[in-house]
Amino acid sequence: MAANSHTTARKTTATRPTRTPRELAPDVREPDDDISAAEAQELEATGRHITVELCGEPVRAVPNGAWPVSAQRRLREGDLDGFMAAVLHEDDYDLYVELDPTLDEFNQFVEDVSDLSGEPQGKSRRPGGSSRRTRRR
């Protein structure tokens, strides 16, 4: 009898320790660095912060492709403070609280992070349907 997934023993793997967004993005870029979208994508691949403006002040944020799922969940639930705590550099969170941005300024921040990251935030388009119709019998 040949071995298959039902007859072979499962291998167990050690669980990985969970990492916080700050551990995933330890390196920080200085606010005066000007970067292109391509450079931002490269930074995202290495897990570093990008600099974007919030209410006219430079803040460091994790590129949107590296946002943890928990941060996106907070955003969907309307917990903006929790979301910003997860995606901003820990040294910039107090500045965010001090600035107390309006909803328009917050939305602009999210758009700017998306633009610099090179990825739009939001739903992906579904694949197009077949151009060929299926014949009914």
Protein backbone atom coordinates (compact mmCIF):
# COMPACT_ATOMS: atom_id res chain seq x y z
CA MET A 1 0.00 0.00 0.00
CA ALA A 2 1.41 3.38 -0.97
CA ALA A 3 1.82 6.06 1.66
CA ASN A 4 -0.56 9.00 1.43
CA SER A 5 -1.71 11.80 3.69
CA HIS A 6 -4.10 9.47 5.52
CA THR A 7 -1.59 6.71 6.30
CA THR A 8 1.56 8.68 7.11
CA ALA A 9 2.20 10.23 10.49
CA ARG A 10 2.03 13.98 10.66
CA LYS A 11 5.19 15.84 11.42
CA THR A 12 4.92 18.48 14.09
CA THR A 13 6.83 21.70 13.87
CA ALA A 14 7.85 23.99 16.65
CA THR A 15 5.70 27.09 16.96
CA ARG A 16 7.33 30.34 16.05
CA PRO A 17 7.29 33.10 18.62
CA THR A 18 4.98 35.93 17.66
CA ARG A 19 6.64 39.18 16.69
CA THR A 20 5.30 42.67 17.11
CA PRO A 21 5.23 45.15 14.20
CA ARG A 22 8.12 46.99 15.83
CA GLU A 23 10.23 43.81 15.76
CA LEU A 24 9.30 43.30 12.12
CA ALA A 25 10.34 46.85 11.27
CA PRO A 26 13.37 47.68 13.43
CA ASP A 27 15.25 50.01 11.08
CA VAL A 28 14.12 53.62 10.77
CA ARG A 29 14.54 56.10 7.93
CA GLU A 30 15.19 59.71 8.77
CA PRO A 31 12.38 62.20 7.96
CA ASP A 32 14.51 64.09 5.43
CA ASP A 33 14.96 61.03 3.17
CA ASP A 34 13.06 61.36 -0.11
CA ILE A 35 12.25 57.96 -1.62
CA SER A 36 10.47 56.73 -4.70
CA ALA A 37 7.70 54.12 -4.79
CA ALA A 38 10.22 51.52 -5.97
CA GLU A 39 12.51 52.30 -3.04
CA ALA A 40 9.52 52.11 -0.68
CA GLN A 41 8.70 48.64 -2.01
CA GLU A 42 12.30 47.61 -1.40
CA LEU A 43 12.05 48.96 2.15
CA GLU A 44 8.83 47.02 2.63
CA ALA A 45 10.60 43.83 1.61
CA THR A 46 13.25 44.45 4.25
CA GLY A 47 10.62 45.46 6.82
CA ARG A 48 11.70 49.05 7.41
CA HIS A 49 9.65 52.17 8.09
CA ILE A 50 8.85 54.83 5.52
CA THR A 51 8.40 58.52 6.29
CA VAL A 52 5.09 60.16 5.47
CA GLU A 53 3.40 63.38 6.58
CA LEU A 54 0.56 63.52 9.09
CA CYS A 55 -0.92 66.99 9.61
CA GLY A 56 2.19 68.47 8.01
CA GLU A 57 4.56 66.66 10.40
CA PRO A 58 6.83 63.78 9.28
CA VAL A 59 6.08 60.43 10.95
CA ARG A 60 7.54 56.97 10.37
CA ALA A 61 5.15 54.18 9.46
CA VAL A 62 5.26 50.56 8.38
CA PRO A 63 4.51 50.24 4.62
CA ASN A 64 0.92 49.12 4.06
CA GLY A 65 1.90 45.71 2.66
CA ALA A 66 3.59 44.93 5.98
CA TRP A 67 0.67 46.00 8.18
CA PRO A 68 -0.21 43.17 10.54
CA VAL A 69 -3.66 41.65 10.18
CA SER A 70 -4.48 42.75 13.73
CA ALA A 71 -3.84 46.39 12.74
CA GLN A 72 -6.12 46.06 9.72
CA ARG A 73 -8.78 44.52 11.95
CA ARG A 74 -8.52 47.54 14.31
CA LEU A 75 -8.93 49.86 11.33
CA ARG A 76 -12.08 48.01 10.16
CA GLU A 77 -13.48 48.17 13.70
CA GLY A 78 -12.84 51.92 13.88
CA ASP A 79 -10.09 51.71 16.54
CA LEU A 80 -7.91 54.38 14.91
CA ASP A 81 -5.68 54.82 17.97
CA GLY A 82 -4.99 51.09 18.14
CA PHE A 83 -4.32 51.01 14.40
CA MET A 84 -1.88 53.92 14.59
CA ALA A 85 -0.11 52.35 17.58
CA ALA A 86 0.47 49.24 15.45
CA VAL A 87 1.70 50.96 12.25
CA LEU A 88 3.56 54.04 13.52
CA HIS A 89 7.07 53.94 14.88
CA GLU A 90 6.85 53.86 18.68
CA ASP A 91 8.59 57.24 18.96
CA ASP A 92 6.00 58.86 16.64
CA TYR A 93 2.83 57.63 18.38
CA ASP A 94 2.95 60.43 20.98
CA LEU A 95 3.20 62.97 18.13
CA TYR A 96 0.08 61.40 16.56
CA VAL A 97 -1.81 61.80 19.85
CA GLU A 98 -0.59 65.40 20.14
CA LEU A 99 -1.58 66.25 16.54
CA ASP A 100 -5.07 64.74 17.01
CA PRO A 101 -5.76 64.50 13.25
CA THR A 102 -9.20 64.89 11.73
CA LEU A 103 -10.70 62.00 9.79
CA ASP A 104 -9.74 63.72 6.51
CA GLU A 105 -6.12 64.06 7.69
CA PHE A 106 -6.11 60.40 8.79
CA ASN A 107 -7.44 59.30 5.39
CA GLN A 108 -4.76 61.39 3.68
CA PHE A 109 -2.12 59.64 5.84
CA VAL A 110 -3.40 56.20 4.75
CA GLU A 111 -3.41 57.31 1.07
CA ASP A 112 0.13 58.69 1.37
CA VAL A 113 1.39 55.45 2.92
CA SER A 114 -0.30 53.52 0.08
CA ASP A 115 1.24 55.78 -2.56
CA LEU A 116 4.73 55.49 -1.08
CA SER A 117 4.35 51.75 -0.62
CA GLY A 118 3.35 51.31 -4.25
CA GLU A 119 0.23 49.34 -3.33
CA PRO A 120 -3.33 50.64 -3.17
CA GLN A 121 -5.14 49.92 0.09
CA GLY A 122 -8.51 48.24 -0.18
CA LYS A 123 -10.18 45.38 -1.92
CA SER A 124 -8.52 43.59 -4.79
CA ARG A 125 -10.37 43.33 -8.06
CA ARG A 126 -11.82 39.94 -8.79
CA PRO A 127 -10.62 38.10 -11.86
CA GLY A 128 -12.63 38.74 -14.97
CA GLY A 129 -15.10 36.14 -16.13
CA SER A 130 -14.51 33.97 -19.13
CA SER A 131 -15.11 35.66 -22.45
CA ARG A 132 -16.49 32.39 -23.76
CA ARG A 133 -20.05 31.44 -22.84
CA THR A 134 -20.82 27.95 -21.60
CA ARG A 135 -23.35 26.17 -23.73
CA ARG A 136 -26.35 24.82 -21.84
CA ARG A 137 -27.54 21.32 -22.62
